[in-house]
Amino acid sequence: MSKTKLPTPAPVQVFARCINAENRPENYAGDWPSVGCVYPVRVLPHVHTRQAQVHIQGFYAERPYGAFAPHRFERIAEVWLN
């Protein structure tokens, strides 16, 4: 049995409002947020740069990657899940 303990994320759902949906890349294939809409999100660090990235839960993104810059969103609520 392994003694390694993996980090467990807190049981929190974050909601964020899109405040900037401009400059969609030409080669982006997938869902794109709309200004003013509220989305359930996860904020995770980029694997290589460790900079925060916003992942919208339920969005489909084929390429280049389904993460958005944090300046495009403002956090509006955190809901603790039981």
C-alpha atoms as a PDB file:
ATOM      1  CA  MET A   1       0.000   0.000   0.000  1.00  0.00           C
ATOM      2  CA  SER A   2       1.388   3.388  -0.986  1.00  0.00           C
ATOM      3  CA  LYS A   3       2.039   6.034   1.655  1.00  0.00           C
ATOM      4  CA  THR A   4       1.858   8.830  -0.906  1.00  0.00           C
ATOM      5  CA  LYS A   5      -1.075  11.129  -0.280  1.00  0.00           C
ATOM      6  CA  LEU A   6      -2.359  13.070  -3.237  1.00  0.00           C
ATOM      7  CA  PRO A   7      -3.699  16.578  -2.645  1.00  0.00           C
ATOM      8  CA  THR A   8      -7.463  16.638  -2.413  1.00  0.00           C
ATOM      9  CA  PRO A   9      -9.119  19.764  -3.803  1.00  0.00           C
ATOM     10  CA  ALA A  10     -11.447  21.609  -1.486  1.00  0.00           C
ATOM     11  CA  PRO A  11     -15.135  20.850  -2.104  1.00  0.00           C
ATOM     12  CA  VAL A  12     -15.775  24.304  -3.553  1.00  0.00           C
ATOM     13  CA  GLN A  13     -17.514  25.345  -6.755  1.00  0.00           C
ATOM     14  CA  VAL A  14     -16.388  28.732  -8.053  1.00  0.00           C
ATOM     15  CA  PHE A  15     -18.578  30.871 -10.290  1.00  0.00           C
ATOM     16  CA  ALA A  16     -17.174  33.639 -12.470  1.00  0.00           C
ATOM     17  CA  ARG A  17     -18.619  36.248 -14.821  1.00  0.00           C
ATOM     18  CA  CYS A  18     -17.011  36.796 -18.216  1.00  0.00           C
ATOM     19  CA  ILE A  19     -15.866  40.417 -18.539  1.00  0.00           C
ATOM     20  CA  ASN A  20     -13.728  40.124 -21.682  1.00  0.00           C
ATOM     21  CA  ALA A  21     -14.512  37.860 -24.634  1.00  0.00           C
ATOM     22  CA  GLU A  22     -12.465  39.738 -27.234  1.00  0.00           C
ATOM     23  CA  ASN A  23      -9.563  38.496 -29.357  1.00  0.00           C
ATOM     24  CA  ARG A  24     -10.720  34.962 -30.019  1.00  0.00           C
ATOM     25  CA  PRO A  25      -7.801  33.176 -31.736  1.00  0.00           C
ATOM     26  CA  GLU A  26      -8.394  32.249 -35.381  1.00  0.00           C
ATOM     27  CA  ASN A  27      -7.506  28.596 -34.845  1.00  0.00           C
ATOM     28  CA  TYR A  28      -9.622  28.184 -31.694  1.00  0.00           C
ATOM     29  CA  ALA A  29     -12.071  25.302 -32.103  1.00  0.00           C
ATOM     30  CA  GLY A  30     -14.581  24.998 -29.293  1.00  0.00           C
ATOM     31  CA  ASP A  31     -16.940  26.916 -27.016  1.00  0.00           C
ATOM     32  CA  TRP A  32     -16.156  30.566 -26.299  1.00  0.00           C
ATOM     33  CA  PRO A  33     -17.565  32.549 -23.340  1.00  0.00           C
ATOM     34  CA  SER A  34     -19.965  35.479 -23.728  1.00  0.00           C
ATOM     35  CA  VAL A  35     -19.585  38.779 -21.896  1.00  0.00           C
ATOM     36  CA  GLY A  36     -21.874  39.052 -18.883  1.00  0.00           C
ATOM     37  CA  CYS A  37     -22.586  35.333 -18.562  1.00  0.00           C
ATOM     38  CA  VAL A  38     -21.814  33.456 -15.359  1.00  0.00           C
ATOM     39  CA  TYR A  39     -19.993  30.123 -15.588  1.00  0.00           C
ATOM     40  CA  PRO A  40     -18.917  27.404 -13.152  1.00  0.00           C
ATOM     41  CA  VAL A  41     -15.119  27.417 -13.310  1.00  0.00           C
ATOM     42  CA  ARG A  42     -11.967  25.839 -11.944  1.00  0.00           C
ATOM     43  CA  VAL A  43      -8.830  27.940 -11.589  1.00  0.00           C
ATOM     44  CA  LEU A  44      -5.761  25.766 -12.072  1.00  0.00           C
ATOM     45  CA  PRO A  45      -2.068  26.539 -12.571  1.00  0.00           C
ATOM     46  CA  HIS A  46      -0.500  25.949 -15.984  1.00  0.00           C
ATOM     47  CA  VAL A  47       1.723  22.875 -15.916  1.00  0.00           C
ATOM     48  CA  HIS A  48       4.886  24.623 -17.106  1.00  0.00           C
ATOM     49  CA  THR A  49       4.498  28.308 -16.189  1.00  0.00           C
ATOM     50  CA  ARG A  50       2.414  27.878 -12.996  1.00  0.00           C
ATOM     51  CA  GLN A  51       0.293  30.881 -14.050  1.00  0.00           C
ATOM     52  CA  ALA A  52      -3.405  30.701 -13.203  1.00  0.00           C
ATOM     53  CA  GLN A  53      -5.775  29.539 -15.946  1.00  0.00           C
ATOM     54  CA  VAL A  54      -9.567  29.477 -15.902  1.00  0.00           C
ATOM     55  CA  HIS A  55     -11.286  26.283 -17.058  1.00  0.00           C
ATOM     56  CA  ILE A  56     -15.032  26.577 -17.686  1.00  0.00           C
ATOM     57  CA  GLN A  57     -16.740  23.388 -16.645  1.00  0.00           C
ATOM     58  CA  GLY A  58     -18.870  21.879 -19.368  1.00  0.00           C
ATOM     59  CA  PHE A  59     -17.151  23.741 -22.215  1.00  0.00           C
ATOM     60  CA  TYR A  60     -15.761  21.834 -25.178  1.00  0.00           C
ATOM     61  CA  ALA A  61     -12.441  22.894 -26.670  1.00  0.00           C
ATOM     62  CA  GLU A  62     -10.681  20.979 -29.398  1.00  0.00           C
ATOM     63  CA  ARG A  63      -7.638  23.180 -29.885  1.00  0.00           C
ATOM     64  CA  PRO A  64      -5.417  24.818 -28.952  1.00  0.00           C
ATOM     65  CA  TYR A  65      -6.457  24.312 -25.318  1.00  0.00           C
ATOM     66  CA  GLY A  66      -9.614  24.817 -23.287  1.00  0.00           C
ATOM     67  CA  ALA A  67      -8.246  27.281 -20.748  1.00  0.00           C
ATOM     68  CA  PHE A  68      -8.727  31.034 -20.559  1.00  0.00           C
ATOM     69  CA  ALA A  69      -6.663  33.852 -19.066  1.00  0.00           C
ATOM     70  CA  PRO A  70      -7.864  35.043 -15.656  1.00  0.00           C
ATOM     71  CA  HIS A  71      -8.205  38.673 -16.816  1.00  0.00           C
ATOM     72  CA  ARG A  72     -11.251  37.575 -18.827  1.00  0.00           C
ATOM     73  CA  PHE A  73     -13.255  36.704 -15.688  1.00  0.00           C
ATOM     74  CA  GLU A  74     -14.225  38.077 -12.307  1.00  0.00           C
ATOM     75  CA  ARG A  75     -15.033  35.705  -9.478  1.00  0.00           C
ATOM     76  CA  ILE A  76     -18.493  36.315  -8.132  1.00  0.00           C
ATOM     77  CA  ALA A  77     -19.212  33.366  -5.809  1.00  0.00           C
ATOM     78  CA  GLU A  78     -17.760  30.337  -4.090  1.00  0.00           C
ATOM     79  CA  VAL A  79     -20.150  27.620  -2.981  1.00  0.00           C
ATOM     80  CA  TRP A  80     -19.000  25.016  -0.474  1.00  0.00           C
ATOM     81  CA  LEU A  81     -20.332  21.605  -1.429  1.00  0.00           C
ATOM     82  CA  ASN A  82     -21.420  19.069   1.174  1.00  0.00           C
END
